[in-house]
Amino acid sequence: MVVMLTLTQTSFGQAVQEAKAEKKEQKADKKVAKAHELKSNAAMGKGMEIAGISDPKTRNAKADRKLKHAEKKELKSDAKELKAVAKDKKKKADGID
């Protein structure tokens, strides 16, 4: 009974880590898409332009911040995936699998 419970918890934990990694990856993709949209809007001068608020320089800076956040999300996604793999290897090393 205890072994079965342990197996369920470890496989559930791994599944949770993988789900979290996938969610972070989706967020990163969304942020990259938004950053590219902001860059193209800044390049074309699309939308209303207010000096110091929405001029091309400010818009490009906002897009750059979005890209930085996207890179951070991708790193977090990779970390979650590595954590899931590490849990799986530890489980196999402990002979639980």
Protein backbone atom coordinates (compact mmCIF):
# COMPACT_ATOMS: atom_id res chain seq x y z
CA MET A 1 0.00 0.00 0.00
CA VAL A 2 2.77 2.44 0.93
CA VAL A 3 4.76 1.58 -2.22
CA MET A 4 1.70 2.18 -4.36
CA LEU A 5 1.11 5.54 -2.71
CA THR A 6 4.76 6.49 -3.25
CA LEU A 7 4.56 5.53 -6.92
CA THR A 8 1.45 7.60 -7.39
CA GLN A 9 2.96 10.63 -5.68
CA THR A 10 6.21 10.55 -7.68
CA SER A 11 4.53 10.10 -11.06
CA PHE A 12 2.00 12.78 -10.15
CA GLY A 13 4.83 15.11 -9.08
CA GLN A 14 6.63 14.53 -12.35
CA ALA A 15 3.46 15.18 -14.32
CA VAL A 16 2.94 18.42 -12.42
CA GLN A 17 6.49 19.57 -13.22
CA GLU A 18 6.00 18.80 -16.90
CA ALA A 19 2.68 20.65 -16.93
CA LYS A 20 4.31 23.67 -15.29
CA ALA A 21 7.09 23.59 -17.87
CA GLU A 22 4.56 23.51 -20.70
CA LYS A 23 2.63 26.43 -19.19
CA LYS A 24 5.83 28.50 -18.87
CA GLU A 25 6.71 27.69 -22.48
CA GLN A 26 3.29 28.85 -23.65
CA LYS A 27 3.65 32.09 -21.70
CA ALA A 28 7.08 32.65 -23.23
CA ASP A 29 5.70 32.12 -26.74
CA LYS A 30 2.88 34.55 -26.02
CA LYS A 31 5.33 37.19 -24.76
CA VAL A 32 7.56 36.78 -27.84
CA ALA A 33 4.56 37.21 -30.12
CA LYS A 34 3.48 40.33 -28.24
CA ALA A 35 7.01 41.76 -28.40
CA HIS A 36 7.17 41.23 -32.16
CA GLU A 37 3.77 42.88 -32.51
CA LEU A 38 4.96 45.87 -30.47
CA LYS A 39 8.15 46.12 -32.56
CA SER A 40 6.22 46.11 -35.82
CA ASN A 41 3.74 48.67 -34.48
CA ALA A 42 6.64 50.93 -33.48
CA ALA A 43 8.29 50.53 -36.88
CA MET A 44 5.11 51.35 -38.79
CA GLY A 45 3.97 54.08 -36.43
CA LYS A 46 0.69 52.25 -35.98
CA GLY A 47 -1.65 53.72 -33.38
CA MET A 48 -1.68 57.05 -31.60
CA GLU A 49 1.69 58.56 -30.84
CA ILE A 50 2.23 60.54 -27.64
CA ALA A 51 5.70 61.96 -26.96
CA GLY A 52 7.42 60.15 -24.10
CA ILE A 53 4.64 57.60 -23.81
CA SER A 54 4.20 55.95 -27.19
CA ASP A 55 6.94 57.32 -29.42
CA PRO A 56 8.97 54.68 -31.35
CA LYS A 57 11.84 54.70 -28.85
CA THR A 58 9.52 54.00 -25.92
CA ARG A 59 7.63 51.36 -27.88
CA ASN A 60 10.87 49.60 -28.81
CA ALA A 61 11.98 49.69 -25.18
CA LYS A 62 8.68 48.08 -24.14
CA ALA A 63 9.11 45.39 -26.80
CA ASP A 64 12.66 44.73 -25.58
CA ARG A 65 11.37 44.29 -22.03
CA LYS A 66 8.77 41.83 -23.29
CA LEU A 67 11.50 39.84 -25.04
CA LYS A 68 13.58 39.76 -21.85
CA HIS A 69 10.60 38.47 -19.90
CA ALA A 70 9.99 35.85 -22.59
CA GLU A 71 13.59 34.66 -22.33
CA LYS A 72 13.18 34.42 -18.56
CA LYS A 73 10.01 32.34 -18.98
CA GLU A 74 11.82 30.03 -21.41
CA LEU A 75 14.61 29.53 -18.88
CA LYS A 76 12.06 28.74 -16.18
CA SER A 77 10.38 26.28 -18.53
CA ASP A 78 13.70 24.55 -19.16
CA ALA A 79 14.34 24.41 -15.42
CA LYS A 80 10.97 22.77 -14.81
CA GLU A 81 11.68 20.18 -17.51
CA LEU A 82 15.10 19.44 -16.02
CA LYS A 83 13.52 19.10 -12.58
CA ALA A 84 11.02 16.57 -13.96
CA VAL A 85 13.83 14.57 -15.60
CA ALA A 86 15.85 14.68 -12.39
CA LYS A 87 12.88 13.41 -10.39
CA ASP A 88 12.44 10.57 -12.86
CA LYS A 89 16.13 9.60 -12.69
CA LYS A 90 16.12 9.76 -8.89
CA LYS A 91 13.02 7.58 -8.82
CA LYS A 92 14.69 5.01 -11.08
CA ALA A 93 17.90 5.12 -9.03
CA ASP A 94 15.93 4.49 -5.85
CA GLY A 95 14.34 1.49 -7.56
CA ILE A 96 10.80 2.77 -7.19
CA ASP A 97 9.91 2.61 -10.90
